[in-house]
């Protein structure tokens, strides 16, 4: 959590949706109204 706080809010939200809700990249993209490629890029950068 402390390390995740270093990321921007969108990246934090993406990681939380993926890790704690087990959402797919597509589901996250639809929920956040951004491209799936953006979600993947932010997720892997945050990881």
ModelCIF file with pLDDT and N, C-alpha, C, O atoms, coordinates in Angstrom:
data_MODEL
#
_entry.id   MODEL 
#
_entity.id                         1 
_entity.type                       polymer 
_entity.pdbx_number_of_molecules   1 
#
_entity_poly.entity_id                      1 
_entity_poly.type                           'polypeptide(L)' 
_entity_poly.nstd_linkage                   no 
_entity_poly.nstd_monomer                   no 
_entity_poly.pdbx_seq_one_letter_code       
;(UNK)(UNK)(UNK)(UNK)(UNK)(UNK)(UNK)(UNK)(UNK)(UNK)(UNK)(UNK)(UNK)(UNK)(UNK)(UNK)
(UNK)(UNK)(UNK)(UNK)(UNK)(UNK)(UNK)(UNK)(UNK)(UNK)(UNK)(UNK)(UNK)(UNK)(UNK)(UNK)
(UNK)(UNK)(UNK)(UNK)(UNK)(UNK)(UNK)(UNK)(UNK)(UNK)(UNK)(UNK)(UNK)(UNK)(UNK)
;
_entity_poly.pdbx_seq_one_letter_code_can   XXXXXXXXXXXXXXXXXXXXXXXXXXXXXXXXXXXXXXXXXXXXXXX 
_entity_poly.pdbx_strand_id                 A 
#
loop_
_entity_poly_seq.entity_id 
_entity_poly_seq.num 
_entity_poly_seq.mon_id 
_entity_poly_seq.hetero 
1 1  UNK n 
1 2  UNK n 
1 3  UNK n 
1 4  UNK n 
1 5  UNK n 
1 6  UNK n 
1 7  UNK n 
1 8  UNK n 
1 9  UNK n 
1 10 UNK n 
1 11 UNK n 
1 12 UNK n 
1 13 UNK n 
1 14 UNK n 
1 15 UNK n 
1 16 UNK n 
1 17 UNK n 
1 18 UNK n 
1 19 UNK n 
1 20 UNK n 
1 21 UNK n 
1 22 UNK n 
1 23 UNK n 
1 24 UNK n 
1 25 UNK n 
1 26 UNK n 
1 27 UNK n 
1 28 UNK n 
1 29 UNK n 
1 30 UNK n 
1 31 UNK n 
1 32 UNK n 
1 33 UNK n 
1 34 UNK n 
1 35 UNK n 
1 36 UNK n 
1 37 UNK n 
1 38 UNK n 
1 39 UNK n 
1 40 UNK n 
1 41 UNK n 
1 42 UNK n 
1 43 UNK n 
1 44 UNK n 
1 45 UNK n 
1 46 UNK n 
1 47 UNK n 
#
_struct_asym.id          A 
_struct_asym.entity_id   1 
#
loop_
_ma_qa_metric.id 
_ma_qa_metric.mode 
_ma_qa_metric.name 
_ma_qa_metric.software_group_id 
_ma_qa_metric.type 
1 global pLDDT . pLDDT 
2 local  pLDDT . pLDDT 
#
_ma_qa_metric_global.metric_id      1 
_ma_qa_metric_global.metric_value   88.02 
_ma_qa_metric_global.model_id       1 
_ma_qa_metric_global.ordinal_id     1 
#
loop_
_ma_qa_metric_local.label_asym_id 
_ma_qa_metric_local.label_comp_id 
_ma_qa_metric_local.label_seq_id 
_ma_qa_metric_local.metric_id 
_ma_qa_metric_local.metric_value 
_ma_qa_metric_local.model_id 
_ma_qa_metric_local.ordinal_id 
A UNK 1  2 79.00 1 1  
A UNK 2  2 78.00 1 2  
A UNK 3  2 80.00 1 3  
A UNK 4  2 82.00 1 4  
A UNK 5  2 80.00 1 5  
A UNK 6  2 82.00 1 6  
A UNK 7  2 85.00 1 7  
A UNK 8  2 88.00 1 8  
A UNK 9  2 87.00 1 9  
A UNK 10 2 89.00 1 10 
A UNK 11 2 91.00 1 11 
A UNK 12 2 89.00 1 12 
A UNK 13 2 89.00 1 13 
A UNK 14 2 92.00 1 14 
A UNK 15 2 89.00 1 15 
A UNK 16 2 86.00 1 16 
A UNK 17 2 89.00 1 17 
A UNK 18 2 88.00 1 18 
A UNK 19 2 84.00 1 19 
A UNK 20 2 83.00 1 20 
A UNK 21 2 84.00 1 21 
A UNK 22 2 85.00 1 22 
A UNK 23 2 87.00 1 23 
A UNK 24 2 91.00 1 24 
A UNK 25 2 93.00 1 25 
A UNK 26 2 93.00 1 26 
A UNK 27 2 90.00 1 27 
A UNK 28 2 91.00 1 28 
A UNK 29 2 91.00 1 29 
A UNK 30 2 88.00 1 30 
A UNK 31 2 84.00 1 31 
A UNK 32 2 85.00 1 32 
A UNK 33 2 86.00 1 33 
A UNK 34 2 90.00 1 34 
A UNK 35 2 93.00 1 35 
A UNK 36 2 92.00 1 36 
A UNK 37 2 93.00 1 37 
A UNK 38 2 93.00 1 38 
A UNK 39 2 93.00 1 39 
A UNK 40 2 92.00 1 40 
A UNK 41 2 93.00 1 41 
A UNK 42 2 92.00 1 42 
A UNK 43 2 92.00 1 43 
A UNK 44 2 91.00 1 44 
A UNK 45 2 90.00 1 45 
A UNK 46 2 88.00 1 46 
A UNK 47 2 87.00 1 47 
#
loop_
_atom_site.group_PDB 
_atom_site.id 
_atom_site.type_symbol 
_atom_site.label_atom_id 
_atom_site.label_alt_id 
_atom_site.label_comp_id 
_atom_site.label_asym_id 
_atom_site.label_entity_id 
_atom_site.label_seq_id 
_atom_site.pdbx_PDB_ins_code 
_atom_site.Cartn_x 
_atom_site.Cartn_y 
_atom_site.Cartn_z 
_atom_site.occupancy 
_atom_site.B_iso_or_equiv 
_atom_site.pdbx_formal_charge 
_atom_site.auth_seq_id 
_atom_site.auth_comp_id 
_atom_site.auth_asym_id 
_atom_site.auth_atom_id 
_atom_site.pdbx_PDB_model_num 
ATOM 1   N N  . UNK A 1 1  ? 0.825   -1.212  0.000   1.00 79.00 ? 1  UNK A N  1 
ATOM 2   C CA . UNK A 1 1  ? 0.000   0.000   0.000   1.00 79.00 ? 1  UNK A CA 1 
ATOM 3   C C  . UNK A 1 1  ? 0.858   1.260   0.000   1.00 79.00 ? 1  UNK A C  1 
ATOM 4   O O  . UNK A 1 1  ? 0.559   2.216   -0.715  1.00 79.00 ? 1  UNK A O  1 
ATOM 5   N N  . UNK A 1 2  ? 1.921   1.265   0.797   1.00 78.00 ? 2  UNK A N  1 
ATOM 6   C CA . UNK A 1 2  ? 2.808   2.431   0.860   1.00 78.00 ? 2  UNK A CA 1 
ATOM 7   C C  . UNK A 1 2  ? 3.479   2.657   -0.494  1.00 78.00 ? 2  UNK A C  1 
ATOM 8   O O  . UNK A 1 2  ? 3.617   3.796   -0.940  1.00 78.00 ? 2  UNK A O  1 
ATOM 9   N N  . UNK A 1 3  ? 3.886   1.594   -1.131  1.00 80.00 ? 3  UNK A N  1 
ATOM 10  C CA . UNK A 1 3  ? 4.531   1.705   -2.436  1.00 80.00 ? 3  UNK A CA 1 
ATOM 11  C C  . UNK A 1 3  ? 3.517   2.106   -3.502  1.00 80.00 ? 3  UNK A C  1 
ATOM 12  O O  . UNK A 1 3  ? 3.823   2.913   -4.380  1.00 80.00 ? 3  UNK A O  1 
ATOM 13  N N  . UNK A 1 4  ? 2.330   1.553   -3.429  1.00 82.00 ? 4  UNK A N  1 
ATOM 14  C CA . UNK A 1 4  ? 1.275   1.885   -4.387  1.00 82.00 ? 4  UNK A CA 1 
ATOM 15  C C  . UNK A 1 4  ? 0.912   3.368   -4.319  1.00 82.00 ? 4  UNK A C  1 
ATOM 16  O O  . UNK A 1 4  ? 0.522   3.961   -5.325  1.00 82.00 ? 4  UNK A O  1 
ATOM 17  N N  . UNK A 1 5  ? 1.038   3.958   -3.144  1.00 80.00 ? 5  UNK A N  1 
ATOM 18  C CA . UNK A 1 5  ? 0.730   5.384   -2.978  1.00 80.00 ? 5  UNK A CA 1 
ATOM 19  C C  . UNK A 1 5  ? 1.668   6.273   -3.785  1.00 80.00 ? 5  UNK A C  1 
ATOM 20  O O  . UNK A 1 5  ? 1.374   7.451   -3.988  1.00 80.00 ? 5  UNK A O  1 
ATOM 21  N N  . UNK A 1 6  ? 2.792   5.730   -4.248  1.00 82.00 ? 6  UNK A N  1 
ATOM 22  C CA . UNK A 1 6  ? 3.726   6.498   -5.076  1.00 82.00 ? 6  UNK A CA 1 
ATOM 23  C C  . UNK A 1 6  ? 3.208   6.675   -6.500  1.00 82.00 ? 6  UNK A C  1 
ATOM 24  O O  . UNK A 1 6  ? 3.673   7.556   -7.224  1.00 82.00 ? 6  UNK A O  1 
ATOM 25  N N  . UNK A 1 7  ? 2.254   5.848   -6.903  1.00 85.00 ? 7  UNK A N  1 
ATOM 26  C CA . UNK A 1 7  ? 1.693   5.895   -8.258  1.00 85.00 ? 7  UNK A CA 1 
ATOM 27  C C  . UNK A 1 7  ? 0.609   6.977   -8.342  1.00 85.00 ? 7  UNK A C  1 
ATOM 28  O O  . UNK A 1 7  ? 0.058   7.410   -7.331  1.00 85.00 ? 7  UNK A O  1 
ATOM 29  N N  . UNK A 1 8  ? 0.321   7.399   -9.583  1.00 88.00 ? 8  UNK A N  1 
ATOM 30  C CA . UNK A 1 8  ? -0.780  8.338   -9.785  1.00 88.00 ? 8  UNK A CA 1 
ATOM 31  C C  . UNK A 1 8  ? -2.112  7.640   -9.484  1.00 88.00 ? 8  UNK A C  1 
ATOM 32  O O  . UNK A 1 8  ? -2.172  6.412   -9.429  1.00 88.00 ? 8  UNK A O  1 
ATOM 33  N N  . UNK A 1 9  ? -3.168  8.417   -9.292  1.00 87.00 ? 9  UNK A N  1 
ATOM 34  C CA . UNK A 1 9  ? -4.460  7.866   -8.871  1.00 87.00 ? 9  UNK A CA 1 
ATOM 35  C C  . UNK A 1 9  ? -5.031  6.855   -9.860  1.00 87.00 ? 9  UNK A C  1 
ATOM 36  O O  . UNK A 1 9  ? -5.574  5.832   -9.445  1.00 87.00 ? 9  UNK A O  1 
ATOM 37  N N  . UNK A 1 10 ? -4.920  7.120   -11.149 1.00 89.00 ? 10 UNK A N  1 
ATOM 38  C CA . UNK A 1 10 ? -5.452  6.172   -12.134 1.00 89.00 ? 10 UNK A CA 1 
ATOM 39  C C  . UNK A 1 10 ? -4.721  4.840   -12.054 1.00 89.00 ? 10 UNK A C  1 
ATOM 40  O O  . UNK A 1 10 ? -5.347  3.781   -12.108 1.00 89.00 ? 10 UNK A O  1 
ATOM 41  N N  . UNK A 1 11 ? -3.409  4.888   -11.925 1.00 91.00 ? 11 UNK A N  1 
ATOM 42  C CA . UNK A 1 11 ? -2.631  3.646   -11.817 1.00 91.00 ? 11 UNK A CA 1 
ATOM 43  C C  . UNK A 1 11 ? -2.998  2.898   -10.543 1.00 91.00 ? 11 UNK A C  1 
ATOM 44  O O  . UNK A 1 11 ? -3.125  1.673   -10.552 1.00 91.00 ? 11 UNK A O  1 
ATOM 45  N N  . UNK A 1 12 ? -3.166  3.628   -9.452  1.00 89.00 ? 12 UNK A N  1 
ATOM 46  C CA . UNK A 1 12 ? -3.583  2.987   -8.204  1.00 89.00 ? 12 UNK A CA 1 
ATOM 47  C C  . UNK A 1 12 ? -4.926  2.303   -8.380  1.00 89.00 ? 12 UNK A C  1 
ATOM 48  O O  . UNK A 1 12 ? -5.108  1.162   -7.956  1.00 89.00 ? 12 UNK A O  1 
ATOM 49  N N  . UNK A 1 13 ? -5.862  2.994   -9.002  1.00 89.00 ? 13 UNK A N  1 
ATOM 50  C CA . UNK A 1 13 ? -7.198  2.424   -9.208  1.00 89.00 ? 13 UNK A CA 1 
ATOM 51  C C  . UNK A 1 13 ? -7.111  1.171   -10.066 1.00 89.00 ? 13 UNK A C  1 
ATOM 52  O O  . UNK A 1 13 ? -7.770  0.174   -9.771  1.00 89.00 ? 13 UNK A O  1 
ATOM 53  N N  . UNK A 1 14 ? -6.310  1.207   -11.118 1.00 92.00 ? 14 UNK A N  1 
ATOM 54  C CA . UNK A 1 14 ? -6.172  0.052   -12.006 1.00 92.00 ? 14 UNK A CA 1 
ATOM 55  C C  . UNK A 1 14 ? -5.604  -1.140  -11.248 1.00 92.00 ? 14 UNK A C  1 
ATOM 56  O O  . UNK A 1 14 ? -6.115  -2.253  -11.369 1.00 92.00 ? 14 UNK A O  1 
ATOM 57  N N  . UNK A 1 15 ? -4.557  -0.917  -10.473 1.00 89.00 ? 15 UNK A N  1 
ATOM 58  C CA . UNK A 1 15 ? -3.943  -2.011  -9.706  1.00 89.00 ? 15 UNK A CA 1 
ATOM 59  C C  . UNK A 1 15 ? -4.934  -2.553  -8.681  1.00 89.00 ? 15 UNK A C  1 
ATOM 60  O O  . UNK A 1 15 ? -5.013  -3.767  -8.492  1.00 89.00 ? 15 UNK A O  1 
ATOM 61  N N  . UNK A 1 16 ? -5.685  -1.687  -8.022  1.00 86.00 ? 16 UNK A N  1 
ATOM 62  C CA . UNK A 1 16 ? -6.670  -2.134  -7.030  1.00 86.00 ? 16 UNK A CA 1 
ATOM 63  C C  . UNK A 1 16 ? -7.782  -2.954  -7.688  1.00 86.00 ? 16 UNK A C  1 
ATOM 64  O O  . UNK A 1 16 ? -8.182  -3.995  -7.166  1.00 86.00 ? 16 UNK A O  1 
ATOM 65  N N  . UNK A 1 17 ? -8.275  -2.484  -8.826  1.00 89.00 ? 17 UNK A N  1 
ATOM 66  C CA . UNK A 1 17 ? -9.312  -3.250  -9.536  1.00 89.00 ? 17 UNK A CA 1 
ATOM 67  C C  . UNK A 1 17 ? -8.779  -4.627  -9.942  1.00 89.00 ? 17 UNK A C  1 
ATOM 68  O O  . UNK A 1 17 ? -9.487  -5.629  -9.838  1.00 89.00 ? 17 UNK A O  1 
ATOM 69  N N  . UNK A 1 18 ? -7.536  -4.665  -10.399 1.00 88.00 ? 18 UNK A N  1 
ATOM 70  C CA . UNK A 1 18 ? -6.950  -5.919  -10.877 1.00 88.00 ? 18 UNK A CA 1 
ATOM 71  C C  . UNK A 1 18 ? -6.653  -6.871  -9.725  1.00 88.00 ? 18 UNK A C  1 
ATOM 72  O O  . UNK A 1 18 ? -7.011  -8.047  -9.787  1.00 88.00 ? 18 UNK A O  1 
ATOM 73  N N  . UNK A 1 19 ? -5.997  -6.369  -8.666  1.00 84.00 ? 19 UNK A N  1 
ATOM 74  C CA . UNK A 1 19 ? -5.584  -7.236  -7.568  1.00 84.00 ? 19 UNK A CA 1 
ATOM 75  C C  . UNK A 1 19 ? -6.708  -7.588  -6.597  1.00 84.00 ? 19 UNK A C  1 
ATOM 76  O O  . UNK A 1 19 ? -6.819  -8.734  -6.161  1.00 84.00 ? 19 UNK A O  1 
ATOM 77  N N  . UNK A 1 20 ? -7.533  -6.615  -6.263  1.00 83.00 ? 20 UNK A N  1 
ATOM 78  C CA . UNK A 1 20 ? -8.517  -6.827  -5.203  1.00 83.00 ? 20 UNK A CA 1 
ATOM 79  C C  . UNK A 1 20 ? -9.905  -7.183  -5.704  1.00 83.00 ? 20 UNK A C  1 
ATOM 80  O O  . UNK A 1 20 ? -10.711 -7.732  -4.954  1.00 83.00 ? 20 UNK A O  1 
ATOM 81  N N  . UNK A 1 21 ? -10.194 -6.878  -6.966  1.00 84.00 ? 21 UNK A N  1 
ATOM 82  C CA . UNK A 1 21 ? -11.496 -7.244  -7.544  1.00 84.00 ? 21 UNK A CA 1 
ATOM 83  C C  . UNK A 1 21 ? -11.358 -8.260  -8.664  1.00 84.00 ? 21 UNK A C  1 
ATOM 84  O O  . UNK A 1 21 ? -12.358 -8.752  -9.186  1.00 84.00 ? 21 UNK A O  1 
ATOM 85  N N  . UNK A 1 22 ? -10.130 -8.574  -9.034  1.00 85.00 ? 22 UNK A N  1 
ATOM 86  C CA . UNK A 1 22 ? -9.855  -9.556  -10.076 1.00 85.00 ? 22 UNK A CA 1 
ATOM 87  C C  . UNK A 1 22 ? -10.560 -9.209  -11.390 1.00 85.00 ? 22 UNK A C  1 
ATOM 88  O O  . UNK A 1 22 ? -11.100 -10.082 -12.069 1.00 85.00 ? 22 UNK A O  1 
ATOM 89  N N  . UNK A 1 23 ? -10.543 -7.924  -11.731 1.00 87.00 ? 23 UNK A N  1 
ATOM 90  C CA . UNK A 1 23 ? -11.158 -7.453  -12.976 1.00 87.00 ? 23 UNK A CA 1 
ATOM 91  C C  . UNK A 1 23 ? -10.191 -7.659  -14.138 1.00 87.00 ? 23 UNK A C  1 
ATOM 92  O O  . UNK A 1 23 ? -8.974  -7.606  -13.962 1.00 87.00 ? 23 UNK A O  1 
ATOM 93  N N  . UNK A 1 24 ? -10.739 -7.893  -15.312 1.00 91.00 ? 24 UNK A N  1 
ATOM 94  C CA . UNK A 1 24 ? -9.913  -8.010  -16.514 1.00 91.00 ? 24 UNK A CA 1 
ATOM 95  C C  . UNK A 1 24 ? -9.537  -6.602  -16.985 1.00 91.00 ? 24 UNK A C  1 
ATOM 96  O O  . UNK A 1 24 ? -10.149 -5.615  -16.578 1.00 91.00 ? 24 UNK A O  1 
ATOM 97  N N  . UNK A 1 25 ? -8.521  -6.529  -17.848 1.00 93.00 ? 25 UNK A N  1 
ATOM 98  C CA . UNK A 1 25 ? -8.124  -5.218  -18.379 1.00 93.00 ? 25 UNK A CA 1 
ATOM 99  C C  . UNK A 1 25 ? -9.279  -4.579  -19.137 1.00 93.00 ? 25 UNK A C  1 
ATOM 100 O O  . UNK A 1 25 ? -9.484  -3.367  -19.070 1.00 93.00 ? 25 UNK A O  1 
ATOM 101 N N  . UNK A 1 26 ? -10.015 -5.386  -19.843 1.00 93.00 ? 26 UNK A N  1 
ATOM 102 C CA . UNK A 1 26 ? -11.162 -4.874  -20.605 1.00 93.00 ? 26 UNK A CA 1 
ATOM 103 C C  . UNK A 1 26 ? -12.221 -4.283  -19.671 1.00 93.00 ? 26 UNK A C  1 
ATOM 104 O O  . UNK A 1 26 ? -12.745 -3.198  -19.926 1.00 93.00 ? 26 UNK A O  1 
ATOM 105 N N  . UNK A 1 27 ? -12.532 -4.999  -18.595 1.00 90.00 ? 27 UNK A N  1 
ATOM 106 C CA . UNK A 1 27 ? -13.527 -4.502  -17.631 1.00 90.00 ? 27 UNK A CA 1 
ATOM 107 C C  . UNK A 1 27 ? -13.072 -3.195  -16.998 1.00 90.00 ? 27 UNK A C  1 
ATOM 108 O O  . UNK A 1 27 ? -13.861 -2.267  -16.825 1.00 90.00 ? 27 UNK A O  1 
ATOM 109 N N  . UNK A 1 28 ? -11.794 -3.135  -16.657 1.00 91.00 ? 28 UNK A N  1 
ATOM 110 C CA . UNK A 1 28 ? -11.250 -1.915  -16.044 1.00 91.00 ? 28 UNK A CA 1 
ATOM 111 C C  . UNK A 1 28 ? -11.330 -0.757  -17.036 1.00 91.00 ? 28 UNK A C  1 
ATOM 112 O O  . UNK A 1 28 ? -11.715 0.354   -16.671 1.00 91.00 ? 28 UNK A O  1 
ATOM 113 N N  . UNK A 1 29 ? -10.967 -1.021  -18.286 1.00 91.00 ? 29 UNK A N  1 
ATOM 114 C CA . UNK A 1 29 ? -11.019 0.018   -19.322 1.00 91.00 ? 29 UNK A CA 1 
ATOM 115 C C  . UNK A 1 29 ? -12.441 0.551   -19.482 1.00 91.00 ? 29 UNK A C  1 
ATOM 116 O O  . UNK A 1 29 ? -12.644 1.760   -19.595 1.00 91.00 ? 29 UNK A O  1 
ATOM 117 N N  . UNK A 1 30 ? -13.414 -0.340  -19.492 1.00 88.00 ? 30 UNK A N  1 
ATOM 118 C CA . UNK A 1 30 ? -14.810 0.087   -19.625 1.00 88.00 ? 30 UNK A CA 1 
ATOM 119 C C  . UNK A 1 30 ? -15.247 0.912   -18.417 1.00 88.00 ? 30 UNK A C  1 
ATOM 120 O O  . UNK A 1 30 ? -15.933 1.922   -18.574 1.00 88.00 ? 30 UNK A O  1 
ATOM 121 N N  . UNK A 1 31 ? -14.856 0.494   -17.220 1.00 84.00 ? 31 UNK A N  1 
ATOM 122 C CA . UNK A 1 31 ? -15.244 1.216   -16.012 1.00 84.00 ? 31 UNK A CA 1 
ATOM 123 C C  . UNK A 1 31 ? -14.605 2.590   -15.933 1.00 84.00 ? 31 UNK A C  1 
ATOM 124 O O  . UNK A 1 31 ? -15.221 3.544   -15.458 1.00 84.00 ? 31 UNK A O  1 
ATOM 125 N N  . UNK A 1 32 ? -13.364 2.689   -16.400 1.00 85.00 ? 32 UNK A N  1 
ATOM 126 C CA . UNK A 1 32 ? -12.641 3.953   -16.294 1.00 85.00 ? 32 UNK A CA 1 
ATOM 127 C C  . UNK A 1 32 ? -12.763 4.821   -17.549 1.00 85.00 ? 32 UNK A C  1 
ATOM 128 O O  . UNK A 1 32 ? -12.269 5.947   -17.590 1.00 85.00 ? 32 UNK A O  1 
ATOM 129 N N  . UNK A 1 33 ? -13.432 4.275   -18.572 1.00 86.00 ? 33 UNK A N  1 
ATOM 130 C CA . UNK A 1 33 ? -13.641 4.997   -19.833 1.00 86.00 ? 33 UNK A CA 1 
ATOM 131 C C  . UNK A 1 33 ? -12.309 5.401   -20.487 1.00 86.00 ? 33 UNK A C  1 
ATOM 132 O O  . UNK A 1 33 ? -12.134 6.538   -20.926 1.00 86.00 ? 33 UNK A O  1 
ATOM 133 N N  . UNK A 1 34 ? -11.389 4.451   -20.539 1.00 90.00 ? 34 UNK A N  1 
ATOM 134 C CA . UNK A 1 34 ? -10.112 4.659   -21.217 1.00 90.00 ? 34 UNK A CA 1 
ATOM 135 C C  . UNK A 1 34 ? -9.833  3.437   -22.091 1.00 90.00 ? 34 UNK A C  1 
ATOM 136 O O  . UNK A 1 34 ? -10.495 2.406   -21.966 1.00 90.00 ? 34 UNK A O  1 
ATOM 137 N N  . UNK A 1 35 ? -8.855  3.564   -22.966 1.00 93.00 ? 35 UNK A N  1 
ATOM 138 C CA . UNK A 1 35 ? -8.498  2.453   -23.848 1.00 93.00 ? 35 UNK A CA 1 
ATOM 139 C C  . UNK A 1 35 ? -7.884  1.313   -23.040 1.00 93.00 ? 35 UNK A C  1 
ATOM 140 O O  . UNK A 1 35 ? -7.194  1.539   -22.046 1.00 93.00 ? 35 UNK A O  1 
ATOM 141 N N  . UNK A 1 36 ? -8.147  0.087   -23.486 1.00 92.00 ? 36 UNK A N  1 
ATOM 142 C CA . UNK A 1 36 ? -7.595  -1.082  -22.812 1.00 92.00 ? 36 UNK A CA 1 
ATOM 143 C C  . UNK A 1 36 ? -6.061  -1.039  -22.825 1.00 92.00 ? 36 UNK A C  1 
ATOM 144 O O  . UNK A 1 36 ? -5.420  -1.457  -21.861 1.00 92.00 ? 36 UNK A O  1 
ATOM 145 N N  . UNK A 1 37 ? -5.480  -0.537  -23.912 1.00 93.00 ? 37 UNK A N  1 
ATOM 146 C CA . UNK A 1 37 ? -4.016  -0.443  -23.991 1.00 93.00 ? 37 UNK A CA 1 
ATOM 147 C C  . UNK A 1 37 ? -3.468  0.520   -22.931 1.00 93.00 ? 37 UNK A C  1 
ATOM 148 O O  . UNK A 1 37 ? -2.382  0.303   -22.394 1.00 93.00 ? 37 UNK A O  1 
ATOM 149 N N  . UNK A 1 38 ? -4.213  1.568   -22.638 1.00 93.00 ? 38 UNK A N  1 
ATOM 150 C CA . UNK A 1 38 ? -3.809  2.512   -21.592 1.00 93.00 ? 38 UNK A CA 1 
ATOM 151 C C  . UNK A 1 38 ? -3.828  1.836   -20.231 1.00 93.00 ? 38 UNK A C  1 
ATOM 152 O O  . UNK A 1 38 ? -2.922  2.026   -19.420 1.00 93.00 ? 38 UNK A O  1 
ATOM 153 N N  . UNK A 1 39 ? -4.862  1.048   -19.989 1.00 93.00 ? 39 UNK A N  1 
ATOM 154 C CA . UNK A 1 39 ? -4.972  0.316   -18.727 1.00 93.00 ? 39 UNK A CA 1 
ATOM 155 C C  . UNK A 1 39 ? -3.782  -0.626  -18.569 1.00 93.00 ? 39 UNK A C  1 
ATOM 156 O O  . UNK A 1 39 ? -3.153  -0.665  -17.512 1.00 93.00 ? 39 UNK A O  1 
ATOM 157 N N  . UNK A 1 40 ? -3.477  -1.383  -19.616 1.00 92.00 ? 40 UNK A N  1 
ATOM 158 C CA . UNK A 1 40 ? -2.362  -2.329  -19.560 1.00 92.00 ? 40 UNK A CA 1 
ATOM 159 C C  . UNK A 1 40 ? -1.039  -1.607  -19.319 1.00 92.00 ? 40 UNK A C  1 
ATOM 160 O O  . UNK A 1 40 ? -0.235  -2.027  -18.487 1.00 92.00 ? 40 UNK A O  1 
ATOM 161 N N  . UNK A 1 41 ? -0.822  -0.527  -20.049 1.00 93.00 ? 41 UNK A N  1 
ATOM 162 C CA . UNK A 1 41 ? 0.423   0.231   -19.902 1.00 93.00 ? 41 UNK A CA 1 
ATOM 163 C C  . UNK A 1 41 ? 0.581   0.743   -18.478 1.00 93.00 ? 41 UNK A C  1 
ATOM 164 O O  . UNK A 1 41 ? 1.645   0.594   -17.877 1.00 93.00 ? 41 UNK A O  1 
ATOM 165 N N  . UNK A 1 42 ? -0.479  1.350   -17.935 1.00 92.00 ? 42 UNK A N  1 
ATOM 166 C CA . UNK A 1 42 ? -0.412  1.880   -16.567 1.00 92.00 ? 42 UNK A CA 1 
ATOM 167 C C  . UNK A 1 42 ? -0.248  0.763   -15.541 1.00 92.00 ? 42 UNK A C  1 
ATOM 168 O O  . UNK A 1 42 ? 0.476   0.921   -14.558 1.00 92.00 ? 42 UNK A O  1 
ATOM 169 N N  . UNK A 1 43 ? -0.913  -0.356  -15.766 1.00 92.00 ? 43 UNK A N  1 
ATOM 170 C CA . UNK A 1 43 ? -0.824  -1.486  -14.838 1.00 92.00 ? 43 UNK A CA 1 
ATOM 171 C C  . UNK A 1 43 ? 0.604   -2.025  -14.793 1.00 92.00 ? 43 UNK A C  1 
ATOM 172 O O  . UNK A 1 43 ? 1.182   -2.167  -13.715 1.00 92.00 ? 43 UNK A O  1 
ATOM 173 N N  . UNK A 1 44 ? 1.167   -2.323  -15.951 1.00 91.00 ? 44 UNK A N  1 
ATOM 174 C CA . UNK A 1 44 ? 2.506   -2.914  -15.974 1.00 91.00 ? 44 UNK A CA 1 
ATOM 175 C C  . UNK A 1 44 ? 3.568   -1.930  -15.495 1.00 91.00 ? 44 UNK A C  1 
ATOM 176 O O  . UNK A 1 44 ? 4.547   -2.332  -14.866 1.00 91.00 ? 44 UNK A O  1 
ATOM 177 N N  . UNK A 1 45 ? 3.386   -0.656  -15.786 1.00 90.00 ? 45 UNK A N  1 
ATOM 178 C CA . UNK A 1 45 ? 4.315   0.360   -15.274 1.00 90.00 ? 45 UNK A CA 1 
ATOM 179 C C  . UNK A 1 45 ? 4.243   0.404   -13.747 1.00 90.00 ? 45 UNK A C  1 
ATOM 180 O O  . UNK A 1 45 ? 5.274   0.466   -13.078 1.00 90.00 ? 45 UNK A O  1 
ATOM 181 N N  . UNK A 1 46 ? 3.041   0.372   -13.203 1.00 88.00 ? 46 UNK A N  1 
ATOM 182 C CA . UNK A 1 46 ? 2.867   0.381   -11.746 1.00 88.00 ? 46 UNK A CA 1 
ATOM 183 C C  . UNK A 1 46 ? 3.441   -0.880  -11.113 1.00 88.00 ? 46 UNK A C  1 
ATOM 184 O O  . UNK A 1 46 ? 4.060   -0.810  -10.051 1.00 88.00 ? 46 UNK A O  1 
ATOM 185 N N  . UNK A 1 47 ? 3.246   -2.019  -11.743 1.00 87.00 ? 47 UNK A N  1 
ATOM 186 C CA . UNK A 1 47 ? 3.774   -3.287  -11.213 1.00 87.00 ? 47 UNK A CA 1 
ATOM 187 C C  . UNK A 1 47 ? 5.305   -3.256  -11.205 1.00 87.00 ? 47 UNK A C  1 
ATOM 188 O O  . UNK A 1 47 ? 5.939   -4.229  -10.796 1.00 87.00 ? 47 UNK A O  1 
#
